[in-house]
């Protein structure tokens, strides 16, 4: 075994043609279950609006914060999560309504969204996103208050960090890596 500068063990394998192939052999599934969303860096700050906020205010906030979803929270002291308003909600629900910009976010939001806690494993986020076809999952604290957001992009970045050689060393044009015909044919 060889240890790289990051402390990861690399195993040298013999390829089909006798060339040396270096590959990382890591328990990706185990890492996804052991690493929390917060520890993986998959946690963005919560960008929130109240249910009675006009859609145009939510959109302006989304543009300003460069996010594609806002968490809708109660106005009361509890500030509990009551919904999520995403780009998908805008396209699939709001744009079809006349005067949607002045309408309240609660009219078009997804109510009672699935949530996770920052201490939950990354695998839970991946599962919710895959099964529910979500791109955003609000993160909540023990009292149900908004504590952040995990996005599909965050999870994808973490997966690339887990397997950098396998992902980042792929050819830019995969069809060039596979010979179209055998030599000598």
N, C-alpha and C. Protein backbone atom coordinates (compact mmCIF):
# COMPACT_ATOMS: atom_id res chain seq x y z
N UNK A 1 0.83 -1.19 0.00
CA UNK A 1 0.00 0.00 0.00
C UNK A 1 0.88 1.25 0.00
N UNK A 2 0.36 2.28 -0.63
CA UNK A 2 0.99 3.59 -0.66
C UNK A 2 0.03 4.55 0.00
N UNK A 3 0.54 5.52 0.74
CA UNK A 3 -0.30 6.53 1.38
C UNK A 3 -0.05 7.85 0.68
N UNK A 4 -1.13 8.49 0.22
CA UNK A 4 -0.98 9.79 -0.46
C UNK A 4 -0.87 10.90 0.58
N UNK A 5 -0.57 12.14 0.13
CA UNK A 5 -0.39 13.25 1.08
C UNK A 5 -1.61 13.52 1.97
N UNK A 6 -2.80 13.15 1.51
CA UNK A 6 -4.02 13.38 2.32
C UNK A 6 -4.20 12.27 3.36
N UNK A 7 -3.33 11.28 3.36
CA UNK A 7 -3.42 10.20 4.33
C UNK A 7 -4.27 9.03 3.85
N UNK A 8 -4.73 9.06 2.61
CA UNK A 8 -5.55 7.98 2.07
C UNK A 8 -4.65 6.87 1.55
N UNK A 9 -5.09 5.64 1.76
CA UNK A 9 -4.33 4.51 1.24
C UNK A 9 -4.68 4.28 -0.22
N UNK A 10 -3.66 4.11 -1.03
CA UNK A 10 -3.85 3.83 -2.44
C UNK A 10 -3.30 2.45 -2.72
N UNK A 11 -4.05 1.69 -3.49
CA UNK A 11 -3.61 0.34 -3.84
C UNK A 11 -3.15 0.34 -5.28
N UNK A 12 -1.99 -0.25 -5.54
CA UNK A 12 -1.49 -0.32 -6.91
C UNK A 12 -1.97 -1.64 -7.50
N UNK A 13 -2.68 -1.53 -8.62
CA UNK A 13 -3.23 -2.70 -9.29
C UNK A 13 -2.58 -2.84 -10.66
N UNK A 14 -2.46 -4.04 -11.14
CA UNK A 14 -1.97 -4.27 -12.48
C UNK A 14 -3.14 -4.22 -13.44
N UNK A 15 -3.04 -3.42 -14.47
CA UNK A 15 -4.10 -3.33 -15.48
C UNK A 15 -4.00 -4.47 -16.46
N UNK A 16 -4.91 -4.51 -17.41
CA UNK A 16 -4.94 -5.57 -18.41
C UNK A 16 -3.67 -5.61 -19.25
N UNK A 17 -3.12 -4.46 -19.55
CA UNK A 17 -1.96 -4.39 -20.41
C UNK A 17 -0.64 -4.36 -19.63
N UNK A 18 -0.70 -4.57 -18.30
CA UNK A 18 0.50 -4.54 -17.50
C UNK A 18 0.83 -3.16 -16.97
N UNK A 19 0.06 -2.12 -17.39
CA UNK A 19 0.34 -0.79 -16.88
C UNK A 19 -0.16 -0.68 -15.44
N UNK A 20 0.47 0.19 -14.69
CA UNK A 20 0.10 0.38 -13.29
C UNK A 20 -1.11 1.29 -13.23
N UNK A 21 -2.10 0.89 -12.43
CA UNK A 21 -3.32 1.67 -12.26
C UNK A 21 -3.45 2.02 -10.78
N UNK A 22 -3.55 3.29 -10.48
CA UNK A 22 -3.71 3.71 -9.09
C UNK A 22 -5.18 4.03 -8.88
N UNK A 23 -5.79 3.45 -7.84
CA UNK A 23 -7.21 3.71 -7.58
C UNK A 23 -7.48 3.79 -6.11
N UNK A 24 -8.43 4.59 -5.74
CA UNK A 24 -8.84 4.71 -4.35
C UNK A 24 -9.96 3.72 -4.11
N UNK A 25 -9.82 2.93 -3.10
CA UNK A 25 -10.85 1.96 -2.76
C UNK A 25 -11.40 2.34 -1.40
N UNK A 26 -12.52 2.99 -1.41
CA UNK A 26 -13.11 3.56 -0.21
C UNK A 26 -14.54 3.07 -0.09
N UNK A 27 -14.97 2.90 1.12
CA UNK A 27 -16.35 2.50 1.39
C UNK A 27 -17.23 3.73 1.31
N UNK A 28 -17.65 4.09 0.10
CA UNK A 28 -18.43 5.31 -0.12
C UNK A 28 -19.75 5.25 0.63
N UNK A 29 -20.42 4.11 0.57
CA UNK A 29 -21.69 3.96 1.28
C UNK A 29 -21.53 4.16 2.77
N UNK A 30 -20.48 3.61 3.33
CA UNK A 30 -20.20 3.78 4.76
C UNK A 30 -19.92 5.22 5.11
N UNK A 31 -19.15 5.91 4.25
CA UNK A 31 -18.86 7.32 4.48
C UNK A 31 -20.14 8.15 4.46
N UNK A 32 -21.04 7.85 3.53
CA UNK A 32 -22.30 8.58 3.44
C UNK A 32 -23.15 8.39 4.69
N UNK A 33 -23.05 7.22 5.30
CA UNK A 33 -23.82 6.93 6.53
C UNK A 33 -23.15 7.49 7.78
N UNK A 34 -21.82 7.58 7.77
CA UNK A 34 -21.10 8.05 8.96
C UNK A 34 -20.96 9.57 9.03
N UNK A 35 -20.99 10.24 7.89
CA UNK A 35 -20.72 11.67 7.85
C UNK A 35 -22.03 12.47 7.91
N UNK A 36 -22.09 13.41 8.84
CA UNK A 36 -23.30 14.23 8.96
C UNK A 36 -23.34 15.28 7.85
N UNK A 37 -24.53 15.77 7.59
CA UNK A 37 -24.71 16.82 6.58
C UNK A 37 -23.84 18.02 6.92
N UNK A 38 -23.84 18.41 8.19
CA UNK A 38 -23.03 19.56 8.62
C UNK A 38 -21.54 19.30 8.43
N UNK A 39 -21.06 18.11 8.82
CA UNK A 39 -19.64 17.79 8.70
C UNK A 39 -19.18 17.67 7.25
N UNK A 40 -20.11 17.33 6.36
CA UNK A 40 -19.76 17.18 4.94
C UNK A 40 -19.73 18.52 4.23
N UNK A 41 -20.11 19.58 4.92
CA UNK A 41 -20.14 20.90 4.29
C UNK A 41 -21.33 21.07 3.36
N UNK A 42 -22.36 20.26 3.58
CA UNK A 42 -23.55 20.30 2.73
C UNK A 42 -24.63 21.21 3.29
N UNK A 43 -24.26 22.11 4.12
CA UNK A 43 -25.25 22.94 4.80
C UNK A 43 -25.09 24.40 4.40
N UNK A 44 -26.11 24.93 3.78
CA UNK A 44 -26.14 26.34 3.43
C UNK A 44 -26.98 27.08 4.46
N UNK A 45 -26.75 28.37 4.63
CA UNK A 45 -27.59 29.12 5.57
C UNK A 45 -29.05 29.11 5.12
N UNK A 46 -29.94 29.22 6.09
CA UNK A 46 -31.37 29.26 5.78
C UNK A 46 -31.74 30.63 5.25
N UNK A 47 -32.35 30.66 4.10
CA UNK A 47 -32.90 31.89 3.52
C UNK A 47 -34.41 31.74 3.67
N UNK A 48 -35.02 32.62 4.46
CA UNK A 48 -36.42 32.42 4.83
C UNK A 48 -37.31 33.61 4.47
N UNK A 49 -38.59 33.29 4.30
CA UNK A 49 -39.63 34.30 4.11
C UNK A 49 -40.85 33.84 4.90
N UNK A 50 -41.71 34.79 5.31
CA UNK A 50 -42.96 34.40 5.97
C UNK A 50 -43.98 33.98 4.91
N UNK A 51 -45.01 33.24 5.30
CA UNK A 51 -46.01 32.77 4.34
C UNK A 51 -46.75 33.89 3.61
N UNK A 52 -46.87 35.05 4.25
CA UNK A 52 -47.62 36.14 3.63
C UNK A 52 -46.74 37.07 2.78
N UNK A 53 -45.47 36.72 2.60
CA UNK A 53 -44.58 37.52 1.75
C UNK A 53 -45.04 37.41 0.30
N UNK A 54 -44.98 38.52 -0.44
CA UNK A 54 -45.33 38.44 -1.87
C UNK A 54 -44.27 37.63 -2.63
N UNK A 55 -44.71 36.94 -3.65
CA UNK A 55 -43.80 36.13 -4.46
C UNK A 55 -42.66 36.98 -5.00
N UNK A 56 -42.94 38.22 -5.41
CA UNK A 56 -41.87 39.07 -5.95
C UNK A 56 -40.78 39.33 -4.91
N UNK A 57 -41.14 39.41 -3.62
CA UNK A 57 -40.15 39.58 -2.57
C UNK A 57 -39.30 38.31 -2.43
N UNK A 58 -39.95 37.16 -2.48
CA UNK A 58 -39.21 35.89 -2.40
C UNK A 58 -38.24 35.75 -3.57
N UNK A 59 -38.69 36.11 -4.76
CA UNK A 59 -37.83 36.02 -5.95
C UNK A 59 -36.65 36.99 -5.85
N UNK A 60 -36.91 38.19 -5.36
CA UNK A 60 -35.82 39.17 -5.20
C UNK A 60 -34.79 38.65 -4.20
N UNK A 61 -35.26 38.03 -3.12
CA UNK A 61 -34.36 37.46 -2.12
C UNK A 61 -33.57 36.30 -2.71
N UNK A 62 -34.23 35.46 -3.49
CA UNK A 62 -33.54 34.34 -4.13
C UNK A 62 -32.44 34.84 -5.06
N UNK A 63 -32.73 35.88 -5.83
CA UNK A 63 -31.71 36.45 -6.72
C UNK A 63 -30.56 37.05 -5.92
N UNK A 64 -30.89 37.81 -4.89
CA UNK A 64 -29.86 38.49 -4.09
C UNK A 64 -28.94 37.49 -3.38
N UNK A 65 -29.52 36.42 -2.86
CA UNK A 65 -28.75 35.41 -2.12
C UNK A 65 -28.19 34.31 -3.03
N UNK A 66 -28.57 34.36 -4.32
CA UNK A 66 -28.12 33.35 -5.29
C UNK A 66 -28.49 31.94 -4.85
N UNK A 67 -29.78 31.77 -4.51
CA UNK A 67 -30.31 30.47 -4.14
C UNK A 67 -31.52 30.17 -5.02
N UNK A 68 -31.86 28.92 -5.13
CA UNK A 68 -32.99 28.54 -5.97
C UNK A 68 -34.20 28.10 -5.15
N UNK A 69 -34.16 28.35 -3.85
CA UNK A 69 -35.31 28.03 -2.98
C UNK A 69 -35.20 28.83 -1.69
N UNK A 70 -36.37 29.15 -1.13
CA UNK A 70 -36.43 29.78 0.18
C UNK A 70 -37.30 28.92 1.08
N UNK A 71 -36.99 28.95 2.37
CA UNK A 71 -37.77 28.22 3.35
C UNK A 71 -38.84 29.17 3.88
N UNK A 72 -40.06 28.69 3.93
CA UNK A 72 -41.17 29.51 4.42
C UNK A 72 -41.37 29.17 5.89
N UNK A 73 -41.29 30.22 6.74
CA UNK A 73 -41.38 30.02 8.19
C UNK A 73 -42.50 30.86 8.78
N UNK A 74 -43.06 30.38 9.89
CA UNK A 74 -44.11 31.11 10.61
C UNK A 74 -43.58 32.47 11.05
N UNK A 75 -44.48 33.42 11.18
CA UNK A 75 -44.10 34.75 11.68
C UNK A 75 -43.99 34.75 13.20
N UNK A 76 -44.63 33.79 13.85
CA UNK A 76 -44.62 33.72 15.32
C UNK A 76 -43.19 33.53 15.82
N UNK A 77 -43.04 33.62 17.13
CA UNK A 77 -41.72 33.44 17.75
C UNK A 77 -41.10 32.09 17.41
N UNK A 78 -41.94 31.09 17.19
CA UNK A 78 -41.41 29.74 16.95
C UNK A 78 -40.62 29.67 15.64
N UNK A 79 -41.04 30.45 14.64
CA UNK A 79 -40.38 30.46 13.32
C UNK A 79 -40.20 29.05 12.77
N UNK A 80 -41.19 28.21 13.00
CA UNK A 80 -41.15 26.84 12.49
C UNK A 80 -41.32 26.80 10.97
N UNK A 81 -40.73 25.80 10.36
CA UNK A 81 -40.82 25.63 8.90
C UNK A 81 -42.23 25.17 8.55
N UNK A 82 -42.87 25.90 7.64
CA UNK A 82 -44.22 25.53 7.19
C UNK A 82 -44.27 25.22 5.69
N UNK A 83 -43.19 25.54 4.98
CA UNK A 83 -43.18 25.27 3.55
C UNK A 83 -41.84 25.58 2.92
N UNK A 84 -41.77 25.33 1.63
CA UNK A 84 -40.59 25.67 0.83
C UNK A 84 -41.10 26.20 -0.50
N UNK A 85 -40.45 27.25 -0.99
CA UNK A 85 -40.80 27.82 -2.28
C UNK A 85 -39.57 27.72 -3.16
N UNK A 86 -39.68 26.97 -4.25
CA UNK A 86 -38.54 26.69 -5.12
C UNK A 86 -38.79 27.23 -6.53
N UNK A 87 -37.74 27.19 -7.34
CA UNK A 87 -37.89 27.55 -8.75
C UNK A 87 -38.95 26.69 -9.42
N UNK A 88 -39.01 25.43 -9.04
CA UNK A 88 -40.02 24.53 -9.59
C UNK A 88 -41.43 25.00 -9.26
N UNK A 89 -41.63 25.46 -8.01
CA UNK A 89 -42.93 25.99 -7.62
C UNK A 89 -43.28 27.21 -8.47
N UNK A 90 -42.29 28.04 -8.73
CA UNK A 90 -42.51 29.22 -9.56
C UNK A 90 -42.97 28.80 -10.95
N UNK A 91 -42.24 27.90 -11.56
CA UNK A 91 -42.54 27.50 -12.94
C UNK A 91 -43.83 26.69 -13.02
N UNK A 92 -44.02 25.75 -12.13
CA UNK A 92 -45.18 24.85 -12.23
C UNK A 92 -46.47 25.41 -11.65
N UNK A 93 -46.38 26.36 -10.74
CA UNK A 93 -47.60 26.87 -10.10
C UNK A 93 -47.81 28.36 -10.29
N UNK A 94 -46.81 29.16 -9.96
CA UNK A 94 -47.00 30.61 -9.90
C UNK A 94 -47.13 31.27 -11.27
N UNK A 95 -46.27 30.93 -12.20
CA UNK A 95 -46.26 31.62 -13.49
C UNK A 95 -47.59 31.51 -14.23
N UNK A 96 -48.38 30.50 -13.92
CA UNK A 96 -49.67 30.32 -14.58
C UNK A 96 -50.75 31.23 -14.01
N UNK A 97 -50.50 31.80 -12.84
CA UNK A 97 -51.50 32.63 -12.17
C UNK A 97 -51.31 34.10 -12.53
N UNK A 98 -52.39 34.75 -12.85
CA UNK A 98 -52.34 36.18 -13.16
C UNK A 98 -51.98 36.93 -11.88
N UNK A 99 -51.05 37.87 -11.99
CA UNK A 99 -50.66 38.68 -10.85
C UNK A 99 -49.91 37.92 -9.77
N UNK A 100 -49.20 36.88 -10.16
CA UNK A 100 -48.51 36.03 -9.18
C UNK A 100 -47.48 36.79 -8.35
N UNK A 101 -46.88 37.82 -8.89
CA UNK A 101 -45.85 38.57 -8.17
C UNK A 101 -46.35 39.20 -6.89
N UNK A 102 -47.59 39.63 -6.88
CA UNK A 102 -48.18 40.26 -5.69
C UNK A 102 -48.83 39.22 -4.77
N UNK A 103 -49.02 38.00 -5.26
CA UNK A 103 -49.68 36.96 -4.46
C UNK A 103 -48.76 36.49 -3.33
N UNK A 104 -49.36 35.94 -2.30
CA UNK A 104 -48.60 35.44 -1.16
C UNK A 104 -47.88 34.13 -1.50
N UNK A 105 -46.69 33.99 -0.99
CA UNK A 105 -45.88 32.79 -1.24
C UNK A 105 -46.63 31.52 -0.83
N UNK A 106 -47.40 31.57 0.25
CA UNK A 106 -48.09 30.38 0.73
C UNK A 106 -49.05 29.80 -0.31
N UNK A 107 -49.47 30.60 -1.26
CA UNK A 107 -50.38 30.13 -2.31
C UNK A 107 -49.68 29.14 -3.25
N UNK A 108 -48.38 29.29 -3.43
CA UNK A 108 -47.65 28.47 -4.40
C UNK A 108 -46.59 27.56 -3.79
N UNK A 109 -46.30 27.72 -2.51
CA UNK A 109 -45.23 26.94 -1.87
C UNK A 109 -45.63 25.46 -1.77
N UNK A 110 -44.63 24.65 -1.51
CA UNK A 110 -44.87 23.25 -1.16
C UNK A 110 -45.02 23.22 0.35
N UNK A 111 -46.22 22.91 0.85
CA UNK A 111 -46.43 22.94 2.31
C UNK A 111 -45.82 21.72 3.00
N UNK A 112 -45.49 21.88 4.26
CA UNK A 112 -44.98 20.79 5.11
C UNK A 112 -43.91 19.95 4.39
N UNK A 113 -42.81 20.59 4.00
CA UNK A 113 -41.78 19.83 3.26
C UNK A 113 -41.08 18.81 4.14
N UNK A 114 -40.52 17.82 3.51
CA UNK A 114 -39.67 16.86 4.20
C UNK A 114 -38.47 17.65 4.71
N UNK A 115 -38.02 17.34 5.91
CA UNK A 115 -36.88 18.06 6.50
C UNK A 115 -35.88 17.06 7.07
N UNK A 116 -34.70 17.55 7.33
CA UNK A 116 -33.65 16.80 8.00
C UNK A 116 -33.02 17.71 9.03
N UNK A 117 -32.15 17.14 9.87
CA UNK A 117 -31.37 17.92 10.82
C UNK A 117 -29.92 17.94 10.36
N UNK A 118 -29.17 18.97 10.70
CA UNK A 118 -27.76 19.04 10.28
C UNK A 118 -26.94 17.83 10.74
N UNK A 119 -27.34 17.19 11.84
CA UNK A 119 -26.57 16.04 12.35
C UNK A 119 -26.93 14.73 11.65
N UNK A 120 -27.96 14.74 10.79
CA UNK A 120 -28.33 13.53 10.05
C UNK A 120 -27.26 13.19 9.02
N UNK A 121 -27.10 11.90 8.71
CA UNK A 121 -26.09 11.50 7.72
C UNK A 121 -26.42 12.00 6.32
N UNK A 122 -25.39 12.20 5.53
CA UNK A 122 -25.55 12.62 4.13
C UNK A 122 -26.41 11.61 3.38
N UNK A 123 -26.30 10.33 3.74
CA UNK A 123 -27.10 9.30 3.07
C UNK A 123 -28.59 9.58 3.19
N UNK A 124 -29.03 10.16 4.30
CA UNK A 124 -30.45 10.49 4.47
C UNK A 124 -30.87 11.54 3.46
N UNK A 125 -30.04 12.55 3.25
CA UNK A 125 -30.35 13.60 2.27
C UNK A 125 -30.41 12.99 0.87
N UNK A 126 -29.44 12.14 0.56
CA UNK A 126 -29.40 11.50 -0.75
C UNK A 126 -30.65 10.66 -0.96
N UNK A 127 -31.07 9.93 0.07
CA UNK A 127 -32.27 9.11 -0.01
C UNK A 127 -33.52 9.96 -0.25
N UNK A 128 -33.69 11.01 0.53
CA UNK A 128 -34.87 11.88 0.38
C UNK A 128 -34.91 12.50 -1.01
N UNK A 129 -33.76 12.95 -1.49
CA UNK A 129 -33.71 13.58 -2.80
C UNK A 129 -34.00 12.58 -3.92
N UNK A 130 -33.48 11.38 -3.79
CA UNK A 130 -33.69 10.37 -4.81
C UNK A 130 -35.13 9.87 -4.83
N UNK A 131 -35.65 9.51 -3.68
CA UNK A 131 -37.00 8.95 -3.60
C UNK A 131 -38.06 10.01 -3.88
N UNK A 132 -37.89 11.20 -3.31
CA UNK A 132 -38.89 12.26 -3.45
C UNK A 132 -38.69 13.15 -4.66
N UNK A 133 -37.60 12.96 -5.40
CA UNK A 133 -37.26 13.81 -6.54
C UNK A 133 -37.11 15.28 -6.12
N UNK A 134 -36.50 15.49 -4.93
CA UNK A 134 -36.27 16.83 -4.42
C UNK A 134 -34.88 17.30 -4.80
N UNK A 135 -34.71 18.60 -4.97
CA UNK A 135 -33.39 19.19 -5.15
C UNK A 135 -32.98 20.00 -3.94
N UNK A 136 -33.93 20.23 -3.03
CA UNK A 136 -33.68 21.00 -1.81
C UNK A 136 -34.37 20.32 -0.65
N UNK A 137 -33.68 20.21 0.48
CA UNK A 137 -34.29 19.70 1.71
C UNK A 137 -33.93 20.69 2.81
N UNK A 138 -34.96 21.31 3.42
CA UNK A 138 -34.68 22.22 4.54
C UNK A 138 -34.10 21.46 5.73
N UNK A 139 -33.20 22.12 6.42
CA UNK A 139 -32.64 21.57 7.65
C UNK A 139 -33.28 22.30 8.82
N UNK A 140 -33.64 21.56 9.85
CA UNK A 140 -34.30 22.15 11.02
C UNK A 140 -33.56 21.77 12.29
N UNK A 141 -33.74 22.60 13.33
CA UNK A 141 -33.20 22.27 14.64
C UNK A 141 -34.23 21.40 15.37
N UNK A 142 -33.95 21.09 16.63
CA UNK A 142 -34.83 20.21 17.40
C UNK A 142 -36.23 20.78 17.58
N UNK A 143 -36.37 22.11 17.50
CA UNK A 143 -37.68 22.75 17.67
C UNK A 143 -38.41 22.94 16.33
N UNK A 144 -37.82 22.46 15.24
CA UNK A 144 -38.46 22.60 13.93
C UNK A 144 -38.22 23.93 13.25
N UNK A 145 -37.28 24.72 13.78
CA UNK A 145 -36.93 26.02 13.18
C UNK A 145 -35.89 25.82 12.07
N UNK A 146 -35.96 26.67 11.07
CA UNK A 146 -35.03 26.58 9.95
C UNK A 146 -33.58 26.72 10.42
N UNK A 147 -32.75 25.76 10.03
CA UNK A 147 -31.35 25.76 10.41
C UNK A 147 -30.42 25.71 9.20
N UNK A 148 -31.00 25.72 8.01
CA UNK A 148 -30.19 25.67 6.80
C UNK A 148 -30.91 24.93 5.70
N UNK A 149 -30.16 24.64 4.64
CA UNK A 149 -30.72 23.95 3.48
C UNK A 149 -29.63 23.06 2.92
N UNK A 150 -29.99 21.87 2.49
CA UNK A 150 -29.07 21.00 1.77
C UNK A 150 -29.63 20.87 0.36
N UNK A 151 -28.74 21.00 -0.62
CA UNK A 151 -29.17 20.93 -2.02
C UNK A 151 -28.53 19.72 -2.71
N UNK A 152 -29.10 19.35 -3.83
CA UNK A 152 -28.55 18.24 -4.61
C UNK A 152 -27.11 18.58 -5.03
N UNK A 153 -26.86 19.84 -5.34
CA UNK A 153 -25.50 20.25 -5.71
C UNK A 153 -24.51 20.06 -4.58
N UNK A 154 -24.97 20.34 -3.34
CA UNK A 154 -24.10 20.15 -2.17
C UNK A 154 -23.71 18.68 -2.03
N UNK A 155 -24.69 17.80 -2.18
CA UNK A 155 -24.44 16.36 -2.05
C UNK A 155 -23.53 15.89 -3.18
N UNK A 156 -23.76 16.39 -4.38
CA UNK A 156 -22.91 16.02 -5.51
C UNK A 156 -21.46 16.45 -5.28
N UNK A 157 -21.27 17.66 -4.77
CA UNK A 157 -19.91 18.12 -4.46
C UNK A 157 -19.24 17.21 -3.44
N UNK A 158 -19.99 16.78 -2.43
CA UNK A 158 -19.43 15.89 -1.42
C UNK A 158 -19.05 14.55 -2.04
N UNK A 159 -19.87 14.03 -2.94
CA UNK A 159 -19.55 12.76 -3.60
C UNK A 159 -18.28 12.88 -4.43
N UNK A 160 -18.09 14.01 -5.07
CA UNK A 160 -16.87 14.23 -5.85
C UNK A 160 -15.66 14.28 -4.92
N UNK A 161 -15.83 14.88 -3.74
CA UNK A 161 -14.74 14.91 -2.76
C UNK A 161 -14.39 13.51 -2.27
N UNK A 162 -15.40 12.64 -2.18
CA UNK A 162 -15.15 11.27 -1.74
C UNK A 162 -14.37 10.47 -2.77
N UNK A 163 -14.60 10.74 -4.03
CA UNK A 163 -13.99 9.96 -5.11
C UNK A 163 -13.34 10.88 -6.14
N UNK A 164 -12.41 11.74 -5.74
CA UNK A 164 -11.90 12.74 -6.70
C UNK A 164 -11.18 12.14 -7.89
N UNK A 165 -10.35 11.12 -7.68
CA UNK A 165 -9.61 10.57 -8.81
C UNK A 165 -10.55 9.96 -9.83
N UNK A 166 -11.55 9.21 -9.35
CA UNK A 166 -12.47 8.53 -10.25
C UNK A 166 -13.32 9.51 -11.04
N UNK A 167 -13.67 10.65 -10.45
CA UNK A 167 -14.54 11.61 -11.12
C UNK A 167 -13.74 12.64 -11.90
N UNK A 168 -12.75 13.23 -11.27
CA UNK A 168 -12.03 14.35 -11.90
C UNK A 168 -11.04 13.90 -12.97
N UNK A 169 -10.68 12.63 -13.00
CA UNK A 169 -9.74 12.15 -14.01
C UNK A 169 -10.44 11.52 -15.21
N UNK A 170 -11.75 11.67 -15.29
CA UNK A 170 -12.46 11.16 -16.46
C UNK A 170 -12.11 12.04 -17.66
N UNK A 171 -12.11 11.45 -18.84
CA UNK A 171 -11.81 12.27 -20.03
C UNK A 171 -12.92 13.28 -20.27
N UNK A 172 -12.58 14.45 -20.80
CA UNK A 172 -13.60 15.47 -21.04
C UNK A 172 -14.62 15.03 -22.08
N UNK A 173 -14.21 14.15 -22.98
CA UNK A 173 -15.11 13.64 -24.00
C UNK A 173 -15.06 12.12 -23.92
N UNK A 174 -15.98 11.52 -23.15
CA UNK A 174 -15.91 10.07 -22.90
C UNK A 174 -15.84 9.21 -24.15
N UNK A 175 -16.47 9.64 -25.23
CA UNK A 175 -16.45 8.81 -26.44
C UNK A 175 -15.04 8.68 -27.00
N UNK A 176 -14.13 9.61 -26.66
CA UNK A 176 -12.75 9.52 -27.13
C UNK A 176 -11.95 8.47 -26.36
N UNK A 177 -12.42 8.12 -25.16
CA UNK A 177 -11.70 7.14 -24.36
C UNK A 177 -11.99 5.71 -24.80
N UNK A 178 -13.06 5.51 -25.53
CA UNK A 178 -13.44 4.16 -25.98
C UNK A 178 -13.14 4.08 -27.48
N UNK A 179 -12.23 3.16 -27.83
CA UNK A 179 -11.93 3.04 -29.27
C UNK A 179 -13.20 2.68 -30.05
N UNK A 180 -13.38 3.31 -31.18
CA UNK A 180 -14.57 3.04 -31.99
C UNK A 180 -14.44 1.73 -32.73
N UNK A 181 -13.21 1.30 -32.99
CA UNK A 181 -12.99 0.00 -33.64
C UNK A 181 -11.64 -0.53 -33.18
N UNK A 182 -11.46 -1.79 -33.27
CA UNK A 182 -10.21 -2.43 -32.87
C UNK A 182 -9.11 -2.02 -33.84
N UNK A 183 -7.88 -1.92 -33.30
CA UNK A 183 -6.75 -1.64 -34.17
C UNK A 183 -6.59 -2.83 -35.13
N UNK A 184 -6.25 -2.52 -36.36
CA UNK A 184 -6.03 -3.57 -37.35
C UNK A 184 -7.30 -4.00 -38.07
N UNK A 185 -8.44 -3.48 -37.66
CA UNK A 185 -9.69 -3.83 -38.34
C UNK A 185 -9.91 -2.98 -39.56
